[in-house]
Amino acid sequence: MKVVKLKTSSPVYLRNAMMEMAFEFQEILNEGPNELKIANGLESILRENSPGHAFVLCTDDGEPAGMVYCNIGCGLQSGGPYLWINGIYVRKPHQGEGTGKFFLDYILEWGKSKGCIYAIASRHTENAASKMLFQKGGFDQELSIIMDRRLD
């Protein structure tokens, strides 16, 4: 497996694969795919100096097998920079093979290399596979609730 960090100069097929996997991910979460929203989000993540980052996991033969998008932030409670994993997704043919754990470990190490001292992950409440992945990765499920709203 190989992990590729997306950039504006990344090959179109990888950017398209990220979009396709974002659609698949939204369907799992019972959210209808919103192409414009995903395209705008990816464009924002790929902007220079963006706190957002996107990665595609590829098999040895180059087939996109998963994706993750995350942010680096800074907070008082974390005591410094933190890695916020907004979403991690592994395509069905690659699930149950340790691929998600490999990808999560990679992203956590990448965060450490960027100076992060803490990691946070968000997941859908009904996504049991994601819950298990994060627990196996050493995450604790706290009694915190994320509340969100659009600003536009």
C-alpha atoms as a PDB file:
ATOM      1  CA  MET A   1       0.000   0.000   0.000  1.00  0.00           C
ATOM      2  CA  LYS A   2       1.088   3.548  -0.738  1.00  0.00           C
ATOM      3  CA  VAL A   3      -0.326   6.782   0.690  1.00  0.00           C
ATOM      4  CA  VAL A   4      -0.408   9.873  -1.523  1.00  0.00           C
ATOM      5  CA  LYS A   5      -0.989  13.366  -0.105  1.00  0.00           C
ATOM      6  CA  LEU A   6      -3.174  15.274  -2.561  1.00  0.00           C
ATOM      7  CA  LYS A   7      -2.004  18.619  -3.893  1.00  0.00           C
ATOM      8  CA  THR A   8      -3.311  20.894  -6.617  1.00  0.00           C
ATOM      9  CA  SER A   9      -0.690  19.308  -8.896  1.00  0.00           C
ATOM     10  CA  SER A  10      -1.841  15.736  -8.120  1.00  0.00           C
ATOM     11  CA  PRO A  11      -2.946  13.639 -11.094  1.00  0.00           C
ATOM     12  CA  VAL A  12      -6.577  14.149 -12.069  1.00  0.00           C
ATOM     13  CA  TYR A  13      -7.376  10.442 -11.553  1.00  0.00           C
ATOM     14  CA  LEU A  14      -6.395  10.724  -7.868  1.00  0.00           C
ATOM     15  CA  ARG A  15      -8.487  13.857  -7.365  1.00  0.00           C
ATOM     16  CA  ASN A  16     -11.420  12.150  -9.107  1.00  0.00           C
ATOM     17  CA  ALA A  17     -10.925   9.049  -6.942  1.00  0.00           C
ATOM     18  CA  MET A  18     -11.056  11.267  -3.844  1.00  0.00           C
ATOM     19  CA  MET A  19     -14.363  12.715  -5.080  1.00  0.00           C
ATOM     20  CA  GLU A  20     -15.794   9.246  -5.826  1.00  0.00           C
ATOM     21  CA  MET A  21     -14.770   7.935  -2.409  1.00  0.00           C
ATOM     22  CA  ALA A  22     -16.258  11.009  -0.727  1.00  0.00           C
ATOM     23  CA  PHE A  23     -19.566  10.157  -2.452  1.00  0.00           C
ATOM     24  CA  GLU A  24     -19.310   6.528  -1.285  1.00  0.00           C
ATOM     25  CA  PHE A  25     -18.509   7.749   2.238  1.00  0.00           C
ATOM     26  CA  GLN A  26     -21.542  10.060   2.283  1.00  0.00           C
ATOM     27  CA  GLU A  27     -23.799   7.220   1.152  1.00  0.00           C
ATOM     28  CA  ILE A  28     -22.627   5.098   4.098  1.00  0.00           C
ATOM     29  CA  LEU A  29     -23.524   7.993   6.392  1.00  0.00           C
ATOM     30  CA  ASN A  30     -26.977   8.187   4.759  1.00  0.00           C
ATOM     31  CA  GLU A  31     -26.186  11.616   3.387  1.00  0.00           C
ATOM     32  CA  GLY A  32     -27.001  12.129  -0.257  1.00  0.00           C
ATOM     33  CA  PRO A  33     -23.896  12.893  -2.316  1.00  0.00           C
ATOM     34  CA  ASN A  34     -23.604  16.610  -2.938  1.00  0.00           C
ATOM     35  CA  GLU A  35     -21.136  17.020  -5.799  1.00  0.00           C
ATOM     36  CA  LEU A  36     -20.814  20.800  -5.486  1.00  0.00           C
ATOM     37  CA  LYS A  37     -20.232  20.651  -1.734  1.00  0.00           C
ATOM     38  CA  ILE A  38     -17.592  17.920  -2.071  1.00  0.00           C
ATOM     39  CA  ALA A  39     -15.865  19.684  -4.999  1.00  0.00           C
ATOM     40  CA  ASN A  40     -15.739  22.979  -3.082  1.00  0.00           C
ATOM     41  CA  GLY A  41     -14.471  21.193   0.031  1.00  0.00           C
ATOM     42  CA  LEU A  42     -11.698  19.443  -1.882  1.00  0.00           C
ATOM     43  CA  GLU A  43     -10.717  22.687  -3.606  1.00  0.00           C
ATOM     44  CA  SER A  44     -10.487  24.354  -0.193  1.00  0.00           C
ATOM     45  CA  ILE A  45      -8.396  21.507   1.243  1.00  0.00           C
ATOM     46  CA  LEU A  46      -5.963  21.667  -1.688  1.00  0.00           C
ATOM     47  CA  ARG A  47      -5.439  25.434  -1.440  1.00  0.00           C
ATOM     48  CA  GLU A  48      -1.923  26.487  -0.499  1.00  0.00           C
ATOM     49  CA  ASN A  49      -1.617  27.170   3.254  1.00  0.00           C
ATOM     50  CA  SER A  50      -4.915  25.415   3.986  1.00  0.00           C
ATOM     51  CA  PRO A  51      -5.118  23.738   7.406  1.00  0.00           C
ATOM     52  CA  GLY A  52      -6.911  20.900   5.591  1.00  0.00           C
ATOM     53  CA  HIS A  53      -5.164  17.871   4.142  1.00  0.00           C
ATOM     54  CA  ALA A  54      -6.357  14.985   1.975  1.00  0.00           C
ATOM     55  CA  PHE A  55      -4.730  11.621   1.384  1.00  0.00           C
ATOM     56  CA  VAL A  56      -5.505   8.731  -0.952  1.00  0.00           C
ATOM     57  CA  LEU A  57      -4.441   5.194  -0.102  1.00  0.00           C
ATOM     58  CA  CYS A  58      -3.457   3.195  -3.195  1.00  0.00           C
ATOM     59  CA  THR A  59      -2.778  -0.479  -3.655  1.00  0.00           C
ATOM     60  CA  ASP A  60       0.618  -1.529  -4.976  1.00  0.00           C
ATOM     61  CA  ASP A  61      -0.806  -1.430  -8.519  1.00  0.00           C
ATOM     62  CA  GLY A  62      -2.092   2.147  -8.063  1.00  0.00           C
ATOM     63  CA  GLU A  63      -5.781   1.426  -7.453  1.00  0.00           C
ATOM     64  CA  PRO A  64      -7.323   3.975  -5.015  1.00  0.00           C
ATOM     65  CA  ALA A  65      -8.398   1.952  -1.966  1.00  0.00           C
ATOM     66  CA  GLY A  66      -9.222   4.610   0.622  1.00  0.00           C
ATOM     67  CA  MET A  67      -9.146   8.257   1.581  1.00  0.00           C
ATOM     68  CA  VAL A  68      -8.794  10.445   4.620  1.00  0.00           C
ATOM     69  CA  TYR A  69      -9.231  14.153   5.133  1.00  0.00           C
ATOM     70  CA  CYS A  70      -8.027  15.979   8.197  1.00  0.00           C
ATOM     71  CA  ASN A  71      -7.050  19.349   9.624  1.00  0.00           C
ATOM     72  CA  ILE A  72      -4.304  20.633  11.848  1.00  0.00           C
ATOM     73  CA  GLY A  73      -5.524  22.999  14.518  1.00  0.00           C
ATOM     74  CA  CYS A  74      -4.376  24.423  17.803  1.00  0.00           C
ATOM     75  CA  GLY A  75      -6.282  24.427  21.055  1.00  0.00           C
ATOM     76  CA  LEU A  76      -6.018  25.242  24.708  1.00  0.00           C
ATOM     77  CA  GLN A  77      -7.270  21.850  25.872  1.00  0.00           C
ATOM     78  CA  SER A  78      -4.794  19.900  23.737  1.00  0.00           C
ATOM     79  CA  GLY A  79      -1.835  21.981  24.894  1.00  0.00           C
ATOM     80  CA  GLY A  80      -0.654  22.623  21.348  1.00  0.00           C
ATOM     81  CA  PRO A  81      -1.212  21.594  17.752  1.00  0.00           C
ATOM     82  CA  TYR A  82      -3.651  18.743  17.160  1.00  0.00           C
ATOM     83  CA  LEU A  83      -4.673  16.530  14.275  1.00  0.00           C
ATOM     84  CA  TRP A  84      -8.411  16.385  13.622  1.00  0.00           C
ATOM     85  CA  ILE A  85      -9.360  13.387  11.492  1.00  0.00           C
ATOM     86  CA  ASN A  86     -12.621  14.427   9.851  1.00  0.00           C
ATOM     87  CA  GLY A  87     -13.159  11.284   7.838  1.00  0.00           C
ATOM     88  CA  ILE A  88     -11.453   8.037   6.979  1.00  0.00           C
ATOM     89  CA  TYR A  89     -12.835   5.618   4.431  1.00  0.00           C
ATOM     90  CA  VAL A  90     -11.626   2.303   3.010  1.00  0.00           C
ATOM     91  CA  ARG A  91     -13.384   0.795   0.003  1.00  0.00           C
ATOM     92  CA  LYS A  92     -15.207  -2.506   0.566  1.00  0.00           C
ATOM     93  CA  PRO A  93     -12.760  -4.808  -1.261  1.00  0.00           C
ATOM     94  CA  HIS A  94     -10.010  -3.628   1.119  1.00  0.00           C
ATOM     95  CA  GLN A  95     -11.966  -3.691   4.380  1.00  0.00           C
ATOM     96  CA  GLY A  96     -11.196  -6.331   6.985  1.00  0.00           C
ATOM     97  CA  GLU A  97      -7.571  -6.703   5.851  1.00  0.00           C
ATOM     98  CA  GLY A  98      -5.964  -4.249   8.285  1.00  0.00           C
ATOM     99  CA  THR A  99      -6.027  -1.540   5.625  1.00  0.00           C
ATOM    100  CA  GLY A 100      -7.894   0.956   7.819  1.00  0.00           C
ATOM    101  CA  LYS A 101      -5.455   0.402  10.701  1.00  0.00           C
ATOM    102  CA  PHE A 102      -2.496   0.855   8.339  1.00  0.00           C
ATOM    103  CA  PHE A 103      -4.019   4.099   7.027  1.00  0.00           C
ATOM    104  CA  LEU A 104      -4.875   5.407  10.516  1.00  0.00           C
ATOM    105  CA  ASP A 105      -1.356   4.654  11.788  1.00  0.00           C
ATOM    106  CA  TYR A 106       0.092   6.445   8.757  1.00  0.00           C
ATOM    107  CA  ILE A 107      -2.037   9.553   9.334  1.00  0.00           C
ATOM    108  CA  LEU A 108      -1.186   9.652  13.047  1.00  0.00           C
ATOM    109  CA  GLU A 109       2.546   9.436  12.265  1.00  0.00           C
ATOM    110  CA  TRP A 110       2.133  12.149   9.629  1.00  0.00           C
ATOM    111  CA  GLY A 111       0.429  14.340  12.240  1.00  0.00           C
ATOM    112  CA  LYS A 112       3.293  13.757  14.678  1.00  0.00           C
ATOM    113  CA  SER A 113       5.776  14.731  11.966  1.00  0.00           C
ATOM    114  CA  LYS A 114       3.895  18.037  11.613  1.00  0.00           C
ATOM    115  CA  GLY A 115       4.229  18.752  15.348  1.00  0.00           C
ATOM    116  CA  CYS A 116       0.809  17.542  16.487  1.00  0.00           C
ATOM    117  CA  ILE A 117       0.697  16.309  20.069  1.00  0.00           C
ATOM    118  CA  TYR A 118      -2.937  15.219  20.164  1.00  0.00           C
ATOM    119  CA  ALA A 119      -5.415  13.617  17.784  1.00  0.00           C
ATOM    120  CA  ILE A 120      -9.178  13.901  17.571  1.00  0.00           C
ATOM    121  CA  ALA A 121     -11.402  11.878  15.267  1.00  0.00           C
ATOM    122  CA  SER A 122     -15.022  12.397  14.365  1.00  0.00           C
ATOM    123  CA  ARG A 123     -17.260   9.610  13.153  1.00  0.00           C
ATOM    124  CA  HIS A 124     -20.951   9.032  12.520  1.00  0.00           C
ATOM    125  CA  THR A 125     -22.695   7.681  15.621  1.00  0.00           C
ATOM    126  CA  GLU A 126     -23.942   4.589  13.779  1.00  0.00           C
ATOM    127  CA  ASN A 127     -20.667   3.720  12.025  1.00  0.00           C
ATOM    128  CA  ALA A 128     -19.604   0.673  14.075  1.00  0.00           C
ATOM    129  CA  ALA A 129     -16.606  -0.126  11.845  1.00  0.00           C
ATOM    130  CA  SER A 130     -15.225   3.380  12.335  1.00  0.00           C
ATOM    131  CA  LYS A 131     -15.767   3.172  16.089  1.00  0.00           C
ATOM    132  CA  MET A 132     -13.857  -0.119  16.219  1.00  0.00           C
ATOM    133  CA  LEU A 133     -11.034   1.254  14.038  1.00  0.00           C
ATOM    134  CA  PHE A 134     -10.514   4.290  16.250  1.00  0.00           C
ATOM    135  CA  GLN A 135     -10.721   2.251  19.460  1.00  0.00           C
ATOM    136  CA  LYS A 136      -8.112  -0.191  18.096  1.00  0.00           C
ATOM    137  CA  GLY A 137      -6.019   2.882  17.263  1.00  0.00           C
ATOM    138  CA  GLY A 138      -6.034   3.946  20.915  1.00  0.00           C
ATOM    139  CA  PHE A 139      -8.795   6.561  20.780  1.00  0.00           C
ATOM    140  CA  ASP A 140     -11.169   6.900  23.722  1.00  0.00           C
ATOM    141  CA  GLN A 141     -14.787   7.739  23.136  1.00  0.00           C
ATOM    142  CA  GLU A 142     -15.409  10.681  25.413  1.00  0.00           C
ATOM    143  CA  LEU A 143     -18.738  12.084  26.368  1.00  0.00           C
ATOM    144  CA  SER A 144     -18.335  15.077  24.102  1.00  0.00           C
ATOM    145  CA  ILE A 145     -20.758  16.182  21.457  1.00  0.00           C
ATOM    146  CA  ILE A 146     -19.829  18.035  18.325  1.00  0.00           C
ATOM    147  CA  MET A 147     -22.377  20.607  17.309  1.00  0.00           C
ATOM    148  CA  ASP A 148     -22.158  22.239  13.924  1.00  0.00           C
ATOM    149  CA  ARG A 149     -23.875  24.730  11.676  1.00  0.00           C
ATOM    150  CA  ARG A 150     -23.265  26.338   8.317  1.00  0.00           C
ATOM    151  CA  LEU A 151     -22.098  29.952   8.181  1.00  0.00           C
ATOM    152  CA  ASP A 152     -23.118  30.737   4.627  1.00  0.00           C
END
